[in-house]
Amino acid sequence: MPGLLIPVDLAAHVAGHPAATIRRWACEGRLTRHPDSSRRKNGVLYDIDEIPEAKRDKDTLKLIEPGATPPVIGTTSLLAA
């Protein structure tokens, strides 16, 4: 069951990447899309638990380092063998 579902603009802020990157990650199978027909814009929400968190300054919230690229869902690392 998904955790908190957030729109693409908030997911982009959390990850420190552009919204286009969040959508690309979803296309690549790195993030799960959760359709939401009640949303007017693109009708898709993302699970915040799947979004890699960016490092930000505690006081200013200025981006220090964007979150890492998440792995493709359902695959294992080649080094895990």
Protein backbone atom coordinates (compact mmCIF):
# COMPACT_ATOMS: atom_id res chain seq x y z
CA MET A 1 0.00 0.00 0.00
CA PRO A 2 1.45 3.38 -0.96
CA GLY A 3 2.34 5.95 1.64
CA LEU A 4 1.64 9.64 1.22
CA LEU A 5 0.85 10.45 -2.42
CA ILE A 6 2.10 13.78 -3.76
CA PRO A 7 1.81 15.69 -7.07
CA VAL A 8 4.72 16.02 -9.48
CA ASP A 9 5.67 19.57 -8.41
CA LEU A 10 6.07 18.54 -4.78
CA ALA A 11 7.92 15.36 -5.80
CA ALA A 12 10.31 17.52 -7.83
CA HIS A 13 10.96 19.74 -4.81
CA VAL A 14 11.58 16.77 -2.51
CA ALA A 15 14.01 15.20 -5.01
CA GLY A 16 15.70 18.45 -6.03
CA HIS A 17 15.15 17.59 -9.70
CA PRO A 18 12.87 19.14 -12.36
CA ALA A 19 9.33 17.81 -12.76
CA ALA A 20 10.34 16.45 -16.19
CA THR A 21 12.89 14.21 -14.45
CA ILE A 22 10.22 12.85 -12.08
CA ARG A 23 8.00 12.02 -15.07
CA ARG A 24 10.95 10.41 -16.90
CA TRP A 25 11.78 8.27 -13.86
CA ALA A 26 8.16 7.10 -13.82
CA CYS A 27 8.39 6.26 -17.54
CA GLU A 28 11.57 4.28 -16.90
CA GLY A 29 9.87 2.30 -14.12
CA ARG A 30 11.82 3.95 -11.30
CA LEU A 31 8.70 5.47 -9.69
CA THR A 32 5.12 4.19 -9.50
CA ARG A 33 2.40 6.35 -11.01
CA HIS A 34 -0.85 6.49 -9.05
CA PRO A 35 -3.69 7.78 -11.27
CA ASP A 36 -6.02 10.30 -9.65
CA SER A 37 -8.89 11.41 -11.88
CA SER A 38 -9.93 14.09 -9.38
CA ARG A 39 -6.74 16.06 -10.09
CA ARG A 40 -7.13 18.67 -12.78
CA LYS A 41 -3.54 18.90 -14.02
CA ASN A 42 -1.90 15.62 -15.05
CA GLY A 43 -3.96 13.30 -12.83
CA VAL A 44 -0.94 11.41 -11.47
CA LEU A 45 0.43 11.21 -7.94
CA TYR A 46 3.71 9.73 -6.71
CA ASP A 47 4.51 7.85 -3.51
CA ILE A 48 6.76 10.03 -1.35
CA ASP A 49 8.52 6.91 -0.03
CA GLU A 50 9.87 6.23 -3.54
CA ILE A 51 11.23 9.76 -4.06
CA PRO A 52 14.94 10.17 -3.23
CA GLU A 53 15.28 13.06 -0.80
CA ALA A 54 17.56 15.94 -1.75
CA LYS A 55 19.99 17.45 0.75
CA ARG A 56 18.94 20.99 1.66
CA ASP A 57 20.25 23.67 4.01
CA LYS A 58 18.37 23.45 7.34
CA ASP A 59 17.81 27.19 7.59
CA THR A 60 17.23 28.36 4.03
CA LEU A 61 16.09 25.07 2.43
CA LYS A 62 18.44 25.90 -0.45
CA LEU A 63 19.37 22.84 -2.49
CA ILE A 64 22.79 21.42 -1.60
CA GLU A 65 22.64 18.12 -3.49
CA PRO A 66 19.78 16.57 -5.48
CA GLY A 67 18.53 13.11 -4.56
CA ALA A 68 20.10 10.10 -6.25
CA THR A 69 18.46 8.42 -9.21
CA PRO A 70 16.21 5.65 -7.85
CA PRO A 71 16.70 2.09 -9.11
CA VAL A 72 14.22 0.52 -11.50
CA ILE A 73 11.41 -1.03 -9.43
CA GLY A 74 11.42 -4.82 -9.32
CA THR A 75 15.05 -5.30 -10.33
CA THR A 76 18.09 -6.19 -8.29
CA SER A 77 21.54 -4.72 -8.56
CA LEU A 78 24.07 -6.59 -10.67
CA LEU A 79 26.39 -6.53 -7.68
CA ALA A 80 23.81 -8.17 -5.40
CA ALA A 81 24.56 -11.66 -6.75
